[in-house]
Amino acid sequence: MEYPIIQPPFTLQFREMSKPELKSYFEWFMKMIPERIEVLERAVRESPEYSSWSADCSSSSLKGLGEWFVGQVETRERSSEELDAIKLSLSFPMEIDTEELTNRTFSLAMDIGMYFSQVVLTSLPGTKWEQYFGNKRDADYGQPVIMGFGVVPLNPVSIIVTLAYGISRGKRSGGRLSELYDTWAKLRK
């Protein structure tokens, strides 16, 4: 099976989207969760060593998923145009990574974030989806987040994208996915 990369019908430039656009994105995101978890499960099971992995929303399923994800994270060289655009957007000079995650890796991160959200919502009573409309400068502005951890929103897609960057740089292992769940579970208690 060819893994179908998710194609959001939005720019994903959340700070620049109008509130109606953001609300449409939230609705689209929620609607896509079951479908994308099925896509993810099929993709994981295609690897012989993970053929019995199940998207059963258990916290224990995150261990195998995290290990599988390590073998899937890929990067590509950023173009000179991309590097120039990043340099122009910086408030002060800093080193810029010349590598970027591939579209497939971003898509897998979104799928795993959706799955991670379902594990959290299933396993940790008192958690729920909300759309974050705090300060426009906040990283989670306009995005689906899980609340129930005090004032700290959990952005499941964002943390998995961050995990993918860590894996690509050799700074994170597959076990980190389970550790992330444990960290958020402790905040819930």
Protein backbone atom coordinates (compact mmCIF):
# COMPACT_ATOMS: atom_id res chain seq x y z
CA MET A 1 0.00 0.00 0.00
CA GLU A 2 1.25 3.45 -0.85
CA TYR A 3 0.93 5.66 2.22
CA PRO A 4 -1.44 8.55 1.30
CA ILE A 5 -0.05 11.87 2.53
CA ILE A 6 -2.68 13.95 4.28
CA GLN A 7 -3.71 17.02 2.29
CA PRO A 8 -5.34 19.61 4.55
CA PRO A 9 -7.49 21.98 2.47
CA PHE A 10 -6.04 24.89 4.44
CA THR A 11 -2.78 26.86 4.49
CA LEU A 12 -1.92 25.87 8.09
CA GLN A 13 -0.68 29.41 8.62
CA PHE A 14 -2.90 29.58 11.68
CA ARG A 15 -2.08 33.14 12.74
CA GLU A 16 -3.04 34.41 9.30
CA MET A 17 -6.31 32.47 9.01
CA SER A 18 -9.64 34.10 9.85
CA LYS A 19 -11.70 32.70 12.74
CA PRO A 20 -14.24 31.12 10.32
CA GLU A 21 -11.34 29.44 8.47
CA LEU A 22 -9.88 28.23 11.76
CA LYS A 23 -13.25 26.83 12.83
CA SER A 24 -13.54 25.03 9.49
CA TYR A 25 -10.06 23.60 10.00
CA PHE A 26 -11.05 22.34 13.46
CA GLU A 27 -14.15 20.61 12.01
CA TRP A 28 -12.08 19.08 9.20
CA PHE A 29 -9.42 17.89 11.66
CA MET A 30 -11.98 16.18 13.92
CA LYS A 31 -13.67 14.54 10.94
CA MET A 32 -10.33 13.20 9.64
CA ILE A 33 -9.22 11.49 12.88
CA PRO A 34 -10.88 8.07 12.36
CA GLU A 35 -9.83 7.86 8.70
CA ARG A 36 -6.22 8.89 9.37
CA ILE A 37 -5.88 6.44 12.27
CA GLU A 38 -6.94 3.66 9.88
CA VAL A 39 -4.34 4.87 7.36
CA LEU A 40 -1.71 4.93 10.09
CA GLU A 41 -2.56 1.43 11.31
CA ARG A 42 -2.28 0.03 7.77
CA ALA A 43 1.06 1.79 7.27
CA VAL A 44 2.49 0.46 10.53
CA ARG A 45 1.28 -3.09 9.85
CA GLU A 46 3.03 -3.12 6.49
CA SER A 47 6.32 -3.40 8.33
CA PRO A 48 6.74 -7.12 9.09
CA GLU A 49 8.01 -6.52 12.62
CA TYR A 50 4.91 -4.43 13.40
CA SER A 51 2.32 -6.53 11.53
CA SER A 52 0.39 -7.19 14.74
CA TRP A 53 0.38 -3.58 15.95
CA SER A 54 -3.11 -2.36 16.72
CA ALA A 55 -4.46 1.17 17.02
CA ASP A 56 -6.38 0.15 20.13
CA CYS A 57 -5.93 3.53 21.88
CA SER A 58 -3.99 1.93 24.74
CA SER A 59 -1.01 3.71 26.20
CA SER A 60 1.00 0.50 25.66
CA SER A 61 0.45 0.79 21.88
CA LEU A 62 2.62 3.93 21.88
CA LYS A 63 5.82 1.95 22.50
CA GLY A 64 5.66 0.03 19.23
CA LEU A 65 4.36 3.04 17.33
CA GLY A 66 7.24 5.18 18.54
CA GLU A 67 9.80 2.53 17.58
CA TRP A 68 8.22 2.20 14.13
CA PHE A 69 8.20 5.99 13.67
CA VAL A 70 11.97 6.20 14.17
CA GLY A 71 12.44 4.17 10.98
CA GLN A 72 10.03 6.40 9.05
CA VAL A 73 11.39 9.89 9.78
CA GLU A 74 13.10 11.34 6.71
CA THR A 75 14.57 14.72 5.86
CA ARG A 76 15.38 16.64 2.70
CA GLU A 77 17.72 19.54 1.96
CA ARG A 78 16.09 22.95 2.23
CA SER A 79 16.23 25.01 -0.95
CA SER A 80 18.15 28.28 -1.02
CA GLU A 81 14.78 30.05 -1.34
CA GLU A 82 13.53 28.38 1.85
CA LEU A 83 16.72 29.29 3.70
CA ASP A 84 16.47 32.91 2.51
CA ALA A 85 12.83 33.13 3.63
CA ILE A 86 13.73 31.79 7.06
CA LYS A 87 16.60 34.28 7.39
CA LEU A 88 14.25 37.14 6.51
CA SER A 89 11.73 36.07 9.13
CA LEU A 90 14.25 35.99 12.00
CA SER A 91 14.29 38.81 14.54
CA PHE A 92 17.98 38.20 15.19
CA PRO A 93 20.62 36.13 13.41
CA MET A 94 20.88 32.46 14.31
CA GLU A 95 22.02 29.21 12.76
CA ILE A 96 19.46 27.64 10.47
CA ASP A 97 19.21 23.90 9.95
CA THR A 98 19.73 23.09 6.26
CA GLU A 99 17.50 20.01 6.50
CA GLU A 100 13.72 19.86 6.73
CA LEU A 101 11.33 17.00 7.37
CA THR A 102 9.76 15.49 4.26
CA ASN A 103 6.06 15.91 3.50
CA ARG A 104 5.59 12.22 4.27
CA THR A 105 7.18 12.69 7.70
CA PHE A 106 4.97 15.72 8.44
CA SER A 107 1.95 13.66 7.37
CA LEU A 108 2.94 10.74 9.59
CA ALA A 109 3.48 13.17 12.47
CA MET A 110 -0.04 14.52 11.97
CA ASP A 111 -1.48 11.00 11.87
CA ILE A 112 0.46 9.95 14.96
CA GLY A 113 -0.62 13.17 16.68
CA MET A 114 -4.24 12.31 15.92
CA TYR A 115 -3.73 8.81 17.29
CA PHE A 116 -1.88 10.13 20.35
CA SER A 117 -4.85 12.42 21.01
CA GLN A 118 -7.20 9.46 21.04
CA VAL A 119 -4.97 7.58 23.48
CA VAL A 120 -4.99 10.62 25.78
CA LEU A 121 -8.75 11.20 25.51
CA THR A 122 -9.50 7.50 26.06
CA SER A 123 -7.07 6.94 28.92
CA LEU A 124 -7.21 10.21 30.84
CA PRO A 125 -10.71 11.14 32.04
CA GLY A 126 -11.44 14.84 32.16
CA THR A 127 -9.55 15.65 28.96
CA LYS A 128 -11.35 17.19 25.99
CA TRP A 129 -10.77 18.89 22.67
CA GLU A 130 -10.85 22.65 22.40
CA GLN A 131 -9.72 25.11 19.80
CA TYR A 132 -7.17 27.51 21.20
CA PHE A 133 -7.95 31.19 20.62
CA GLY A 134 -5.63 32.77 23.17
CA ASN A 135 -2.98 35.21 22.06
CA LYS A 136 -2.27 35.16 18.29
CA ARG A 137 1.44 35.01 19.12
CA ASP A 138 1.03 31.71 20.98
CA ALA A 139 2.31 28.66 19.13
CA ASP A 140 -1.05 26.85 19.47
CA TYR A 141 -3.25 29.70 18.24
CA GLY A 142 -6.25 28.43 16.28
CA GLN A 143 -5.22 24.80 16.57
CA PRO A 144 -6.98 21.79 18.07
CA VAL A 145 -5.62 21.20 21.55
CA ILE A 146 -6.53 18.90 24.41
CA MET A 147 -7.39 20.60 27.68
CA GLY A 148 -7.53 19.07 31.12
CA PHE A 149 -3.97 19.72 32.27
CA GLY A 150 -4.52 22.93 34.20
CA VAL A 151 -3.89 25.92 31.97
CA VAL A 152 -1.45 24.05 29.71
CA PRO A 153 -2.92 22.95 26.36
CA LEU A 154 -1.67 19.74 24.75
CA ASN A 155 -1.17 20.15 21.01
CA PRO A 156 -0.73 16.52 19.95
CA VAL A 157 0.33 17.25 16.37
CA SER A 158 2.86 19.85 17.43
CA ILE A 159 4.54 17.56 19.96
CA ILE A 160 4.84 14.76 17.41
CA VAL A 161 6.35 17.13 14.83
CA THR A 162 8.84 18.18 17.52
CA LEU A 163 9.54 14.50 18.23
CA ALA A 164 10.17 13.95 14.49
CA TYR A 165 12.75 16.75 14.47
CA GLY A 166 14.43 15.21 17.51
CA ILE A 167 14.53 11.79 15.85
CA SER A 168 15.94 13.29 12.63
CA ARG A 169 18.77 14.87 14.61
CA GLY A 170 19.50 11.68 16.54
CA LYS A 171 18.46 13.27 19.83
CA ARG A 172 15.30 11.24 20.47
CA SER A 173 14.41 7.56 20.38
CA GLY A 174 11.15 5.76 19.73
CA GLY A 175 10.62 5.38 23.47
CA ARG A 176 10.05 9.12 23.67
CA LEU A 177 6.43 8.71 22.45
CA SER A 178 5.54 6.65 25.54
CA GLU A 179 7.47 9.09 27.73
CA LEU A 180 5.42 11.98 26.34
CA TYR A 181 2.22 10.16 27.26
CA ASP A 182 3.54 9.47 30.78
CA THR A 183 4.48 13.13 31.21
CA TRP A 184 0.99 14.33 30.25
CA ALA A 185 -0.66 11.58 32.33
CA LYS A 186 1.20 12.83 35.42
CA LEU A 187 -0.08 16.37 34.74
CA ARG A 188 -3.64 15.01 34.71
CA LYS A 189 -3.42 13.42 38.19
